[in-house]
Amino acid sequence: MEGYYDEGDSGVIQGIQFKTNIKTSELIGDKKGRKFSLAANGKKIIGFHGYADKNLNSLGAYFTTSPLISLEHTTGSDLVNHIWDDGSFEGVRKVSVRYDNLEICYVEFDYDNIGKVEKREHGMFYSWVQQGEVNIYVNLYKCVLFE
């Protein structure tokens, strides 16, 4: 996964792109700001964590190459603290991202939880902003993050 974030006061993610051993998504958002990347060649994404207020400010991932370790789902408890941690799952089926030509404002993950889909949403969902989707796991057990 790689993208761009605003180096100014906002620190908001401006654009994001996902890469796996099967495919690479289009860049969702813009190539503005400082570039970042999150890579773990040959490992599988099993969950995400980060910070989202009105926009997506940070994004991290949990990886595995061995049997799953159970991590608990947590979320911020007040309006100021929007740190979230989705915990871990068997895999990630889909990532949906919304952006408003300036920054990423919303992200939604569809996780595979023993054959059932579990959704987690973060940031502010505005119906008028553009949406991009990435179907990460075409084959849930063979697709891994690719550098």
N, C-alpha and C. Protein backbone atom coordinates (compact mmCIF):
# COMPACT_ATOMS: atom_id res chain seq x y z
N MET A 1 0.86 -1.16 0.00
CA MET A 1 0.00 0.00 0.00
C MET A 1 0.91 1.22 0.00
N GLU A 2 0.54 2.20 -0.80
CA GLU A 2 1.29 3.45 -0.78
C GLU A 2 0.33 4.60 -1.03
N GLY A 3 0.78 5.77 -0.69
CA GLY A 3 -0.07 6.93 -0.88
C GLY A 3 0.67 8.22 -0.60
N TYR A 4 -0.12 9.28 -0.42
CA TYR A 4 0.42 10.62 -0.21
C TYR A 4 -0.36 11.30 0.91
N TYR A 5 0.37 12.05 1.75
CA TYR A 5 -0.30 12.78 2.82
C TYR A 5 0.17 14.22 2.86
N ASP A 6 -0.67 15.08 3.41
CA ASP A 6 -0.39 16.51 3.54
C ASP A 6 0.64 16.70 4.65
N GLU A 7 1.76 17.33 4.33
CA GLU A 7 2.80 17.57 5.32
C GLU A 7 2.49 18.76 6.23
N GLY A 8 1.43 19.51 5.92
CA GLY A 8 1.05 20.67 6.72
C GLY A 8 0.38 20.26 8.02
N ASP A 9 -0.38 21.18 8.57
CA ASP A 9 -1.03 20.95 9.86
C ASP A 9 -2.05 19.83 9.83
N SER A 10 -2.71 19.61 8.70
CA SER A 10 -3.80 18.62 8.67
C SER A 10 -3.29 17.18 8.73
N GLY A 11 -2.19 16.87 8.05
CA GLY A 11 -1.67 15.51 8.01
C GLY A 11 -2.60 14.52 7.34
N VAL A 12 -3.58 15.00 6.59
CA VAL A 12 -4.60 14.15 5.99
C VAL A 12 -4.04 13.38 4.80
N ILE A 13 -4.47 12.13 4.66
CA ILE A 13 -4.07 11.32 3.52
C ILE A 13 -4.76 11.87 2.27
N GLN A 14 -3.97 12.16 1.25
CA GLN A 14 -4.46 12.75 0.01
C GLN A 14 -4.82 11.72 -1.04
N GLY A 15 -4.11 10.61 -1.04
CA GLY A 15 -4.33 9.56 -2.04
C GLY A 15 -3.79 8.25 -1.52
N ILE A 16 -4.35 7.14 -2.02
CA ILE A 16 -3.93 5.82 -1.56
C ILE A 16 -4.07 4.82 -2.71
N GLN A 17 -3.16 3.83 -2.71
CA GLN A 17 -3.16 2.78 -3.73
C GLN A 17 -2.78 1.47 -3.06
N PHE A 18 -3.46 0.38 -3.44
CA PHE A 18 -3.20 -0.94 -2.87
C PHE A 18 -2.54 -1.82 -3.92
N LYS A 19 -1.54 -2.59 -3.49
CA LYS A 19 -0.84 -3.51 -4.38
C LYS A 19 -0.83 -4.89 -3.74
N THR A 20 -1.21 -5.91 -4.53
CA THR A 20 -1.15 -7.29 -4.06
C THR A 20 -0.40 -8.11 -5.09
N ASN A 21 -0.24 -9.41 -4.80
CA ASN A 21 0.42 -10.28 -5.77
C ASN A 21 -0.48 -10.56 -6.96
N ILE A 22 -1.76 -10.17 -6.88
CA ILE A 22 -2.69 -10.42 -7.98
C ILE A 22 -2.93 -9.17 -8.82
N LYS A 23 -3.06 -8.02 -8.17
CA LYS A 23 -3.31 -6.80 -8.94
C LYS A 23 -2.94 -5.56 -8.13
N THR A 24 -2.92 -4.44 -8.85
CA THR A 24 -2.67 -3.13 -8.25
C THR A 24 -3.86 -2.24 -8.55
N SER A 25 -4.37 -1.58 -7.51
CA SER A 25 -5.51 -0.69 -7.72
C SER A 25 -5.04 0.60 -8.38
N GLU A 26 -5.99 1.34 -8.91
CA GLU A 26 -5.68 2.68 -9.37
C GLU A 26 -5.44 3.55 -8.13
N LEU A 27 -4.73 4.64 -8.29
CA LEU A 27 -4.57 5.59 -7.20
C LEU A 27 -5.92 6.22 -6.92
N ILE A 28 -6.36 6.16 -5.68
CA ILE A 28 -7.62 6.78 -5.26
C ILE A 28 -7.24 8.08 -4.57
N GLY A 29 -7.62 9.19 -5.14
CA GLY A 29 -7.23 10.50 -4.63
C GLY A 29 -6.14 11.11 -5.49
N ASP A 30 -5.24 11.89 -4.86
CA ASP A 30 -4.22 12.64 -5.60
C ASP A 30 -2.80 12.29 -5.17
N LYS A 31 -1.85 12.60 -6.07
CA LYS A 31 -0.43 12.46 -5.79
C LYS A 31 0.11 13.77 -5.22
N LYS A 32 -0.56 14.30 -4.21
CA LYS A 32 -0.13 15.56 -3.59
C LYS A 32 0.43 15.26 -2.22
N GLY A 33 1.46 15.97 -1.85
CA GLY A 33 2.05 15.80 -0.53
C GLY A 33 3.20 14.82 -0.52
N ARG A 34 3.55 14.37 0.68
CA ARG A 34 4.67 13.47 0.87
C ARG A 34 4.23 12.02 0.67
N LYS A 35 5.05 11.26 -0.06
CA LYS A 35 4.73 9.87 -0.35
C LYS A 35 5.03 8.99 0.87
N PHE A 36 4.18 7.97 1.10
CA PHE A 36 4.43 6.98 2.13
C PHE A 36 4.16 5.60 1.54
N SER A 37 4.71 4.58 2.16
CA SER A 37 4.41 3.21 1.73
C SER A 37 4.38 2.29 2.93
N LEU A 38 3.59 1.27 2.81
CA LEU A 38 3.46 0.24 3.83
C LEU A 38 3.56 -1.08 3.10
N ALA A 39 4.66 -1.79 3.29
CA ALA A 39 4.89 -3.01 2.52
C ALA A 39 5.43 -4.11 3.42
N ALA A 40 4.99 -5.30 3.14
CA ALA A 40 5.48 -6.50 3.82
C ALA A 40 5.40 -7.62 2.80
N ASN A 41 6.40 -7.74 1.97
CA ASN A 41 6.40 -8.67 0.86
C ASN A 41 6.12 -10.10 1.33
N GLY A 42 5.11 -10.72 0.70
CA GLY A 42 4.79 -12.10 1.00
C GLY A 42 3.92 -12.31 2.21
N LYS A 43 3.43 -11.26 2.83
CA LYS A 43 2.58 -11.39 4.01
C LYS A 43 1.14 -11.02 3.68
N LYS A 44 0.21 -11.54 4.46
CA LYS A 44 -1.21 -11.34 4.24
C LYS A 44 -1.74 -10.28 5.21
N ILE A 45 -2.56 -9.34 4.70
CA ILE A 45 -3.19 -8.35 5.57
C ILE A 45 -4.36 -9.03 6.28
N ILE A 46 -4.42 -8.88 7.61
CA ILE A 46 -5.52 -9.47 8.37
C ILE A 46 -6.31 -8.42 9.14
N GLY A 47 -5.91 -7.16 9.07
CA GLY A 47 -6.65 -6.10 9.75
C GLY A 47 -6.00 -4.75 9.56
N PHE A 48 -6.76 -3.69 9.89
CA PHE A 48 -6.26 -2.33 9.77
C PHE A 48 -6.48 -1.56 11.06
N HIS A 49 -5.71 -0.49 11.22
CA HIS A 49 -5.87 0.43 12.35
C HIS A 49 -5.46 1.81 11.86
N GLY A 50 -5.83 2.85 12.58
CA GLY A 50 -5.46 4.19 12.16
C GLY A 50 -6.17 5.27 12.94
N TYR A 51 -6.24 6.44 12.34
CA TYR A 51 -6.89 7.59 12.94
C TYR A 51 -7.71 8.30 11.87
N ALA A 52 -8.98 8.57 12.19
CA ALA A 52 -9.86 9.27 11.25
C ALA A 52 -10.80 10.17 12.02
N ASP A 53 -10.76 11.46 11.72
CA ASP A 53 -11.71 12.43 12.27
C ASP A 53 -12.67 12.72 11.12
N LYS A 54 -12.61 13.91 10.53
CA LYS A 54 -13.41 14.20 9.34
C LYS A 54 -12.78 13.59 8.11
N ASN A 55 -11.49 13.30 8.18
CA ASN A 55 -10.74 12.71 7.09
C ASN A 55 -9.83 11.63 7.64
N LEU A 56 -9.26 10.85 6.74
CA LEU A 56 -8.33 9.79 7.13
C LEU A 56 -6.95 10.40 7.34
N ASN A 57 -6.45 10.31 8.58
CA ASN A 57 -5.15 10.89 8.91
C ASN A 57 -4.03 9.86 8.94
N SER A 58 -4.34 8.64 9.33
CA SER A 58 -3.31 7.61 9.34
C SER A 58 -3.92 6.25 9.08
N LEU A 59 -3.11 5.33 8.58
CA LEU A 59 -3.57 3.99 8.25
C LEU A 59 -2.41 3.03 8.43
N GLY A 60 -2.64 1.99 9.19
CA GLY A 60 -1.66 0.93 9.40
C GLY A 60 -2.32 -0.40 9.18
N ALA A 61 -1.54 -1.47 9.09
CA ALA A 61 -2.09 -2.79 8.82
C ALA A 61 -1.44 -3.84 9.70
N TYR A 62 -2.19 -4.91 9.94
CA TYR A 62 -1.67 -6.09 10.61
C TYR A 62 -1.41 -7.14 9.53
N PHE A 63 -0.27 -7.83 9.65
CA PHE A 63 0.11 -8.84 8.66
C PHE A 63 0.34 -10.17 9.36
N THR A 64 0.25 -11.25 8.58
CA THR A 64 0.56 -12.56 9.12
C THR A 64 1.14 -13.46 8.03
N THR A 65 1.97 -14.40 8.46
CA THR A 65 2.43 -15.49 7.59
C THR A 65 2.18 -16.80 8.31
N SER A 66 1.75 -16.72 9.55
CA SER A 66 1.52 -17.90 10.38
C SER A 66 0.06 -17.90 10.85
N PRO A 67 -0.32 -18.86 11.67
CA PRO A 67 -1.71 -18.87 12.16
C PRO A 67 -2.10 -17.53 12.78
N LEU A 68 -3.39 -17.19 12.65
CA LEU A 68 -3.90 -15.91 13.11
C LEU A 68 -3.77 -15.73 14.62
N ILE A 69 -3.49 -14.50 15.02
CA ILE A 69 -3.47 -14.12 16.42
C ILE A 69 -4.69 -13.25 16.63
N SER A 70 -5.50 -13.54 17.62
CA SER A 70 -6.71 -12.77 17.86
C SER A 70 -6.38 -11.42 18.46
N LEU A 71 -6.83 -10.34 17.82
CA LEU A 71 -6.68 -8.98 18.32
C LEU A 71 -8.06 -8.40 18.51
N GLU A 72 -8.29 -7.67 19.57
CA GLU A 72 -9.59 -7.11 19.88
C GLU A 72 -9.87 -5.84 19.10
N HIS A 73 -11.11 -5.67 18.68
CA HIS A 73 -11.58 -4.47 18.00
C HIS A 73 -11.73 -3.35 19.02
N THR A 74 -11.16 -2.17 18.73
CA THR A 74 -11.31 -1.01 19.61
C THR A 74 -11.62 0.22 18.77
N THR A 75 -12.18 1.23 19.40
CA THR A 75 -12.48 2.48 18.72
C THR A 75 -12.40 3.61 19.72
N GLY A 76 -12.24 4.84 19.24
CA GLY A 76 -12.18 6.00 20.13
C GLY A 76 -13.46 6.14 20.94
N SER A 77 -13.35 6.67 22.15
CA SER A 77 -14.50 6.74 23.03
C SER A 77 -15.09 8.13 23.16
N ASP A 78 -14.51 9.13 22.53
CA ASP A 78 -15.08 10.48 22.59
C ASP A 78 -14.93 11.16 21.23
N LEU A 79 -15.47 12.35 21.10
CA LEU A 79 -15.47 13.02 19.80
C LEU A 79 -14.09 13.51 19.38
N VAL A 80 -13.17 13.68 20.31
CA VAL A 80 -11.84 14.17 19.98
C VAL A 80 -10.92 13.03 19.58
N ASN A 81 -11.07 11.87 20.21
CA ASN A 81 -10.20 10.73 19.98
C ASN A 81 -10.83 9.80 18.96
N HIS A 82 -10.30 9.77 17.76
CA HIS A 82 -10.86 8.93 16.70
C HIS A 82 -9.87 7.86 16.26
N ILE A 83 -9.06 7.40 17.21
CA ILE A 83 -8.13 6.31 16.92
C ILE A 83 -8.94 5.03 16.86
N TRP A 84 -8.68 4.18 15.90
CA TRP A 84 -9.41 2.93 15.77
C TRP A 84 -8.48 1.78 15.49
N ASP A 85 -8.94 0.59 15.84
CA ASP A 85 -8.18 -0.63 15.64
C ASP A 85 -9.20 -1.73 15.36
N ASP A 86 -9.27 -2.20 14.15
CA ASP A 86 -10.27 -3.19 13.77
C ASP A 86 -9.95 -4.59 14.27
N GLY A 87 -8.76 -4.80 14.80
CA GLY A 87 -8.38 -6.14 15.22
C GLY A 87 -7.97 -6.97 14.02
N SER A 88 -8.00 -8.29 14.16
CA SER A 88 -7.56 -9.16 13.06
C SER A 88 -8.66 -10.10 12.62
N PHE A 89 -8.58 -10.51 11.37
CA PHE A 89 -9.55 -11.39 10.75
C PHE A 89 -8.80 -12.40 9.89
N GLU A 90 -9.52 -13.27 9.20
CA GLU A 90 -8.87 -14.22 8.31
C GLU A 90 -8.31 -13.55 7.08
N GLY A 91 -8.90 -12.42 6.67
CA GLY A 91 -8.43 -11.70 5.50
C GLY A 91 -9.27 -10.47 5.26
N VAL A 92 -8.90 -9.74 4.22
CA VAL A 92 -9.61 -8.53 3.81
C VAL A 92 -10.20 -8.80 2.43
N ARG A 93 -11.52 -8.62 2.28
CA ARG A 93 -12.17 -8.85 1.00
C ARG A 93 -12.20 -7.60 0.14
N LYS A 94 -12.51 -6.45 0.74
CA LYS A 94 -12.67 -5.23 -0.05
C LYS A 94 -12.33 -4.01 0.80
N VAL A 95 -11.78 -2.99 0.15
CA VAL A 95 -11.54 -1.70 0.77
C VAL A 95 -12.26 -0.66 -0.08
N SER A 96 -13.11 0.16 0.55
CA SER A 96 -13.78 1.25 -0.14
C SER A 96 -13.26 2.56 0.43
N VAL A 97 -12.95 3.50 -0.44
CA VAL A 97 -12.37 4.78 -0.03
C VAL A 97 -13.18 5.91 -0.67
N ARG A 98 -13.47 6.95 0.08
CA ARG A 98 -14.13 8.15 -0.46
C ARG A 98 -13.19 9.33 -0.32
N TYR A 99 -13.13 10.15 -1.36
CA TYR A 99 -12.25 11.31 -1.36
C TYR A 99 -12.94 12.47 -2.05
N ASP A 100 -12.52 13.68 -1.70
CA ASP A 100 -13.20 14.88 -2.21
C ASP A 100 -12.29 15.76 -3.06
N ASN A 101 -11.41 15.15 -3.83
CA ASN A 101 -10.43 15.82 -4.69
C ASN A 101 -9.31 16.50 -3.92
N LEU A 102 -9.38 16.52 -2.61
CA LEU A 102 -8.31 17.09 -1.79
C LEU A 102 -7.73 16.08 -0.82
N GLU A 103 -8.58 15.21 -0.29
CA GLU A 103 -8.12 14.30 0.75
C GLU A 103 -9.06 13.11 0.88
N ILE A 104 -8.55 12.06 1.50
CA ILE A 104 -9.36 10.88 1.79
C ILE A 104 -10.19 11.22 3.03
N CYS A 105 -11.52 11.07 2.95
CA CYS A 105 -12.37 11.43 4.09
C CYS A 105 -13.05 10.23 4.73
N TYR A 106 -13.01 9.05 4.09
CA TYR A 106 -13.73 7.90 4.62
C TYR A 106 -13.10 6.62 4.07
N VAL A 107 -13.02 5.60 4.91
CA VAL A 107 -12.54 4.30 4.46
C VAL A 107 -13.41 3.22 5.11
N GLU A 108 -13.72 2.20 4.31
CA GLU A 108 -14.53 1.08 4.79
C GLU A 108 -13.84 -0.22 4.42
N PHE A 109 -13.75 -1.14 5.37
CA PHE A 109 -13.11 -2.43 5.15
C PHE A 109 -14.15 -3.54 5.26
N ASP A 110 -14.14 -4.48 4.32
CA ASP A 110 -14.92 -5.70 4.41
C ASP A 110 -13.94 -6.82 4.75
N TYR A 111 -14.05 -7.33 5.98
CA TYR A 111 -13.16 -8.39 6.44
C TYR A 111 -13.83 -9.75 6.29
N ASP A 112 -13.01 -10.79 6.12
CA ASP A 112 -13.50 -12.16 6.11
C ASP A 112 -13.36 -12.70 7.53
N ASN A 113 -14.49 -13.03 8.15
CA ASN A 113 -14.50 -13.57 9.50
C ASN A 113 -15.15 -14.95 9.46
N ILE A 114 -14.33 -15.97 9.22
CA ILE A 114 -14.78 -17.35 9.13
C ILE A 114 -15.91 -17.48 8.10
N GLY A 115 -15.68 -16.92 6.92
CA GLY A 115 -16.63 -17.02 5.82
C GLY A 115 -17.72 -15.96 5.81
N LYS A 116 -17.82 -15.14 6.83
CA LYS A 116 -18.82 -14.07 6.88
C LYS A 116 -18.12 -12.72 6.73
N VAL A 117 -18.82 -11.77 6.10
CA VAL A 117 -18.27 -10.43 5.91
C VAL A 117 -18.57 -9.57 7.14
N GLU A 118 -17.53 -8.90 7.66
CA GLU A 118 -17.71 -7.93 8.74
C GLU A 118 -17.20 -6.59 8.24
N LYS A 119 -18.05 -5.57 8.30
CA LYS A 119 -17.70 -4.23 7.84
C LYS A 119 -17.22 -3.38 8.99
N ARG A 120 -16.23 -2.52 8.71
CA ARG A 120 -15.77 -1.51 9.65
C ARG A 120 -15.62 -0.21 8.86
N GLU A 121 -16.17 0.89 9.39
CA GLU A 121 -16.15 2.19 8.70
C GLU A 121 -15.45 3.21 9.56
N HIS A 122 -14.67 4.10 8.91
CA HIS A 122 -13.91 5.12 9.64
C HIS A 122 -13.89 6.42 8.84
N GLY A 123 -13.94 7.55 9.54
CA GLY A 123 -13.95 8.86 8.89
C GLY A 123 -15.38 9.34 8.70
N MET A 124 -15.54 10.36 7.89
CA MET A 124 -16.86 10.94 7.64
C MET A 124 -17.35 10.52 6.26
N PHE A 125 -18.54 9.93 6.21
CA PHE A 125 -19.13 9.48 4.96
C PHE A 125 -19.95 10.62 4.37
N TYR A 126 -19.49 11.16 3.25
CA TYR A 126 -20.22 12.19 2.54
C TYR A 126 -20.71 11.57 1.23
N SER A 127 -22.02 11.59 0.99
CA SER A 127 -22.56 10.94 -0.21
C SER A 127 -22.13 11.63 -1.49
N TRP A 128 -21.74 12.89 -1.41
CA TRP A 128 -21.40 13.65 -2.62
C TRP A 128 -19.96 13.48 -3.07
N VAL A 129 -19.13 12.82 -2.28
CA VAL A 129 -17.72 12.69 -2.68
C VAL A 129 -17.53 11.45 -3.55
N GLN A 130 -16.42 11.42 -4.27
CA GLN A 130 -16.11 10.31 -5.16
C GLN A 130 -15.74 9.07 -4.35
N GLN A 131 -16.02 7.91 -4.94
CA GLN A 131 -15.71 6.66 -4.26
C GLN A 131 -14.85 5.79 -5.15
N GLY A 132 -13.92 5.09 -4.52
CA GLY A 132 -13.12 4.09 -5.21
C GLY A 132 -13.16 2.81 -4.40
N GLU A 133 -13.15 1.68 -5.05
CA GLU A 133 -13.17 0.40 -4.35
C GLU A 133 -12.03 -0.46 -4.84
N VAL A 134 -11.48 -1.25 -3.92
CA VAL A 134 -10.42 -2.18 -4.25
C VAL A 134 -10.84 -3.54 -3.72
N ASN A 135 -11.04 -4.51 -4.62
CA ASN A 135 -11.31 -5.88 -4.19
C ASN A 135 -9.96 -6.56 -4.01
N ILE A 136 -9.51 -6.62 -2.77
CA ILE A 136 -8.15 -7.08 -2.49
C ILE A 136 -8.01 -8.60 -2.66
N TYR A 137 -8.90 -9.36 -2.08
CA TYR A 137 -8.75 -10.81 -2.10
C TYR A 137 -9.65 -11.45 -3.14
N VAL A 138 -9.09 -11.67 -4.32
CA VAL A 138 -9.80 -12.42 -5.34
C VAL A 138 -9.86 -13.88 -4.86
N ASN A 139 -8.76 -14.39 -4.37
CA ASN A 139 -8.69 -15.69 -3.71
C ASN A 139 -8.22 -15.40 -2.29
N LEU A 140 -9.10 -15.56 -1.34
CA LEU A 140 -8.83 -15.10 0.03
C LEU A 140 -7.56 -15.67 0.63
N TYR A 141 -7.15 -16.85 0.21
CA TYR A 141 -6.01 -17.47 0.88
C TYR A 141 -4.73 -17.43 0.05
N LYS A 142 -4.80 -16.93 -1.18
CA LYS A 142 -3.60 -16.89 -2.01
C LYS A 142 -3.10 -15.47 -2.27
N CYS A 143 -3.91 -14.49 -1.98
CA CYS A 143 -3.52 -13.11 -2.26
C CYS A 143 -2.81 -12.51 -1.06
N VAL A 144 -1.64 -11.97 -1.29
CA VAL A 144 -0.85 -11.38 -0.21
C VAL A 144 -0.39 -9.99 -0.63
N LEU A 145 0.01 -9.20 0.33
CA LEU A 145 0.52 -7.87 0.02
C LEU A 145 1.78 -8.00 -0.79
N PHE A 146 1.92 -7.16 -1.78
CA PHE A 146 3.05 -7.22 -2.70
C PHE A 146 3.73 -5.86 -2.75
N GLU A 147 5.02 -5.85 -2.65
CA GLU A 147 5.79 -4.62 -2.65
C GLU A 147 6.02 -4.10 -4.05
